[in-house]
N, C-alpha and C. Protein backbone atom coordinates (compact mmCIF):
# COMPACT_ATOMS: atom_id res chain seq x y z
N MET A 1 53.13 10.77 -95.05
CA MET A 1 53.25 10.79 -96.49
C MET A 1 54.13 11.98 -96.90
N VAL A 2 55.11 11.71 -97.73
CA VAL A 2 56.00 12.76 -98.21
C VAL A 2 55.33 13.47 -99.38
N TRP A 3 55.34 14.78 -99.31
CA TRP A 3 54.73 15.59 -100.35
C TRP A 3 55.78 15.99 -101.38
N ARG A 4 56.93 16.41 -100.89
CA ARG A 4 58.06 16.77 -101.74
C ARG A 4 59.36 16.45 -101.02
N VAL A 5 60.43 16.46 -101.77
CA VAL A 5 61.77 16.30 -101.19
C VAL A 5 62.60 17.48 -101.67
N VAL A 6 63.28 18.16 -100.71
CA VAL A 6 64.18 19.26 -101.06
C VAL A 6 65.56 18.93 -100.51
N VAL A 7 66.57 19.57 -101.09
CA VAL A 7 67.95 19.39 -100.65
C VAL A 7 68.49 20.73 -100.20
N HIS A 8 69.08 20.73 -99.00
CA HIS A 8 69.71 21.93 -98.45
C HIS A 8 71.03 21.52 -97.81
N ASP A 9 72.13 22.14 -98.24
CA ASP A 9 73.48 21.81 -97.73
C ASP A 9 73.77 20.32 -97.83
N ASP A 10 73.45 19.75 -98.97
CA ASP A 10 73.70 18.32 -99.24
C ASP A 10 72.93 17.37 -98.33
N HIS A 11 71.88 17.85 -97.69
CA HIS A 11 71.01 17.00 -96.88
C HIS A 11 69.62 16.99 -97.50
N ARG A 12 69.03 15.80 -97.57
CA ARG A 12 67.67 15.65 -98.11
C ARG A 12 66.65 15.82 -96.99
N TRP A 13 65.57 16.51 -97.30
CA TRP A 13 64.48 16.75 -96.35
C TRP A 13 63.16 16.36 -96.99
N ASN A 14 62.38 15.56 -96.30
CA ASN A 14 61.02 15.23 -96.73
C ASN A 14 60.10 16.33 -96.22
N VAL A 15 59.30 16.88 -97.11
CA VAL A 15 58.44 18.01 -96.77
C VAL A 15 56.98 17.60 -96.83
N SER A 16 56.23 17.99 -95.80
CA SER A 16 54.79 17.74 -95.75
C SER A 16 54.07 19.02 -95.35
N PRO A 17 53.00 19.39 -96.04
CA PRO A 17 52.24 20.58 -95.66
C PRO A 17 51.22 20.24 -94.58
N ALA A 18 50.86 21.25 -93.83
CA ALA A 18 49.81 21.12 -92.81
C ALA A 18 49.08 22.45 -92.73
N ALA A 19 47.89 22.41 -92.19
CA ALA A 19 47.12 23.63 -91.98
C ALA A 19 46.86 23.77 -90.49
N GLU A 20 47.04 24.97 -89.98
CA GLU A 20 46.87 25.23 -88.55
C GLU A 20 45.93 26.42 -88.40
N ARG A 21 44.96 26.27 -87.53
CA ARG A 21 44.07 27.39 -87.24
C ARG A 21 44.19 27.71 -85.77
N ARG A 22 44.49 28.93 -85.47
CA ARG A 22 44.67 29.36 -84.09
C ARG A 22 43.33 29.77 -83.50
N ALA A 23 43.26 29.74 -82.19
CA ALA A 23 42.03 30.10 -81.49
C ALA A 23 41.57 31.50 -81.89
N ASN A 24 40.28 31.66 -82.04
CA ASN A 24 39.65 32.94 -82.38
C ASN A 24 40.07 33.49 -83.74
N SER A 25 40.50 32.63 -84.63
CA SER A 25 40.87 33.06 -85.99
C SER A 25 40.06 32.27 -87.00
N PRO A 26 39.49 32.94 -87.98
CA PRO A 26 38.72 32.22 -89.01
C PRO A 26 39.61 31.60 -90.09
N ASN A 27 40.88 31.99 -90.13
CA ASN A 27 41.77 31.56 -91.20
C ASN A 27 42.69 30.40 -90.80
N TRP A 28 43.00 29.59 -91.79
CA TRP A 28 43.99 28.53 -91.66
C TRP A 28 45.33 29.07 -92.11
N ASN A 29 46.40 28.71 -91.41
CA ASN A 29 47.76 29.11 -91.76
C ASN A 29 48.50 27.90 -92.32
N LEU A 30 49.35 28.16 -93.30
CA LEU A 30 50.12 27.10 -93.92
C LEU A 30 51.39 26.84 -93.12
N VAL A 31 51.61 25.57 -92.79
CA VAL A 31 52.79 25.15 -92.02
C VAL A 31 53.43 23.99 -92.77
N PHE A 32 54.75 23.95 -92.77
CA PHE A 32 55.46 22.84 -93.39
C PHE A 32 56.27 22.08 -92.36
N ALA A 33 56.23 20.76 -92.46
CA ALA A 33 57.07 19.89 -91.65
C ALA A 33 58.22 19.44 -92.54
N PHE A 34 59.44 19.72 -92.10
CA PHE A 34 60.64 19.29 -92.80
C PHE A 34 61.26 18.18 -91.96
N ARG A 35 61.28 16.98 -92.51
CA ARG A 35 61.85 15.84 -91.79
C ARG A 35 63.10 15.37 -92.52
N PRO A 36 64.23 15.34 -91.82
CA PRO A 36 65.49 14.96 -92.48
C PRO A 36 65.55 13.46 -92.74
N THR A 37 66.20 13.10 -93.82
CA THR A 37 66.44 11.68 -94.07
C THR A 37 67.63 11.21 -93.24
N ASP A 38 68.46 12.14 -92.80
CA ASP A 38 69.60 11.87 -91.93
C ASP A 38 69.09 11.88 -90.49
N LEU A 39 69.15 10.76 -89.81
CA LEU A 39 68.57 10.65 -88.47
C LEU A 39 69.27 11.48 -87.42
N GLU A 40 70.44 12.02 -87.73
CA GLU A 40 71.16 12.84 -86.75
C GLU A 40 70.61 14.27 -86.68
N ARG A 41 69.83 14.67 -87.64
CA ARG A 41 69.27 16.02 -87.65
C ARG A 41 67.86 15.98 -87.08
N ARG A 42 67.42 17.12 -86.59
CA ARG A 42 66.09 17.21 -85.98
C ARG A 42 65.06 17.69 -87.00
N PRO A 43 63.80 17.28 -86.83
CA PRO A 43 62.74 17.79 -87.71
C PRO A 43 62.52 19.28 -87.46
N VAL A 44 62.02 19.96 -88.46
CA VAL A 44 61.78 21.40 -88.36
C VAL A 44 60.35 21.67 -88.83
N TRP A 45 59.63 22.48 -88.06
CA TRP A 45 58.30 22.96 -88.45
C TRP A 45 58.41 24.45 -88.71
N ALA A 46 57.81 24.92 -89.80
CA ALA A 46 57.91 26.33 -90.16
C ALA A 46 56.59 26.83 -90.74
N THR A 47 56.16 27.99 -90.27
CA THR A 47 54.95 28.63 -90.79
C THR A 47 55.30 29.43 -92.04
N TYR A 48 54.54 29.22 -93.09
CA TYR A 48 54.73 29.96 -94.33
C TYR A 48 53.69 31.09 -94.36
N PRO A 49 54.05 32.27 -94.88
CA PRO A 49 53.13 33.42 -94.84
C PRO A 49 51.97 33.34 -95.85
N LEU A 50 51.15 32.29 -95.72
CA LEU A 50 49.92 32.16 -96.50
C LEU A 50 48.81 31.75 -95.55
N SER A 51 47.65 32.34 -95.74
CA SER A 51 46.49 31.93 -94.94
C SER A 51 45.24 32.02 -95.80
N SER A 52 44.21 31.29 -95.36
CA SER A 52 42.96 31.25 -96.11
C SER A 52 41.86 30.76 -95.18
N ALA A 53 40.63 31.14 -95.48
CA ALA A 53 39.49 30.64 -94.73
C ALA A 53 39.18 29.19 -95.09
N SER A 54 39.73 28.73 -96.21
CA SER A 54 39.49 27.38 -96.70
C SER A 54 40.79 26.58 -96.67
N ARG A 55 40.74 25.42 -96.04
CA ARG A 55 41.93 24.55 -96.03
C ARG A 55 42.26 24.08 -97.44
N ALA A 56 41.24 23.75 -98.20
CA ALA A 56 41.46 23.28 -99.58
C ALA A 56 42.15 24.35 -100.42
N ALA A 57 41.71 25.59 -100.27
CA ALA A 57 42.33 26.69 -101.02
C ALA A 57 43.78 26.90 -100.57
N LEU A 58 44.03 26.71 -99.29
CA LEU A 58 45.38 26.87 -98.76
C LEU A 58 46.31 25.80 -99.34
N PHE A 59 45.85 24.55 -99.39
CA PHE A 59 46.66 23.48 -99.95
C PHE A 59 46.85 23.66 -101.46
N ALA A 60 45.86 24.22 -102.13
CA ALA A 60 46.00 24.50 -103.57
C ALA A 60 47.08 25.56 -103.80
N GLN A 61 47.15 26.56 -102.92
CA GLN A 61 48.21 27.57 -103.02
C GLN A 61 49.57 26.94 -102.73
N ALA A 62 49.62 26.02 -101.78
CA ALA A 62 50.87 25.36 -101.43
C ALA A 62 51.41 24.57 -102.62
N GLU A 63 50.52 23.96 -103.39
CA GLU A 63 50.94 23.19 -104.56
C GLU A 63 51.70 24.05 -105.57
N LYS A 64 51.40 25.33 -105.61
CA LYS A 64 52.02 26.24 -106.58
C LYS A 64 53.38 26.75 -106.13
N LEU A 65 53.76 26.52 -104.88
CA LEU A 65 55.04 27.02 -104.39
C LEU A 65 56.20 26.24 -105.01
N PRO A 66 57.21 26.95 -105.46
CA PRO A 66 58.37 26.25 -106.02
C PRO A 66 59.24 25.66 -104.90
N ASP A 67 60.01 24.66 -105.25
CA ASP A 67 60.91 24.03 -104.27
C ASP A 67 61.90 25.04 -103.69
N ASP A 68 62.30 26.02 -104.49
CA ASP A 68 63.23 27.05 -104.00
C ASP A 68 62.66 27.81 -102.82
N ALA A 69 61.36 28.07 -102.82
CA ALA A 69 60.73 28.79 -101.71
C ALA A 69 60.75 27.93 -100.45
N LEU A 70 60.54 26.63 -100.61
CA LEU A 70 60.58 25.72 -99.46
C LEU A 70 62.00 25.61 -98.91
N THR A 71 62.97 25.53 -99.79
CA THR A 71 64.36 25.44 -99.36
C THR A 71 64.78 26.71 -98.63
N ALA A 72 64.33 27.85 -99.10
CA ALA A 72 64.65 29.12 -98.44
C ALA A 72 63.99 29.17 -97.05
N LEU A 73 62.77 28.69 -96.93
CA LEU A 73 62.09 28.66 -95.64
C LEU A 73 62.85 27.75 -94.66
N LEU A 74 63.29 26.60 -95.13
CA LEU A 74 64.07 25.70 -94.30
C LEU A 74 65.38 26.34 -93.88
N ALA A 75 66.06 26.98 -94.80
CA ALA A 75 67.34 27.63 -94.50
C ALA A 75 67.18 28.68 -93.40
N GLU A 76 66.08 29.45 -93.46
CA GLU A 76 65.79 30.45 -92.41
C GLU A 76 65.68 29.79 -91.04
N GLN A 77 65.02 28.66 -90.99
CA GLN A 77 64.80 27.98 -89.71
C GLN A 77 66.08 27.36 -89.15
N LEU A 78 66.99 27.01 -90.02
CA LEU A 78 68.23 26.37 -89.60
C LEU A 78 69.32 27.35 -89.19
N GLU A 79 69.13 28.64 -89.47
CA GLU A 79 70.13 29.64 -89.11
C GLU A 79 70.19 29.87 -87.63
């Protein structure tokens, strides 16, 4: 399911949030999956600097992020 769509360098990316909890950690970390609509590009996974003990609270924080923040995170990963 696509959560949002962002555009970077004239390419559209479908964005989906995920929560990841690492071993021995009580907190969930926010991760985004960027999937290109152009099949020649590869998908990108990126950890965003937000964490919470509650997955629901983490996703609520993700909802407040502007598209510009997601585009900047994608740009970092593509460099």
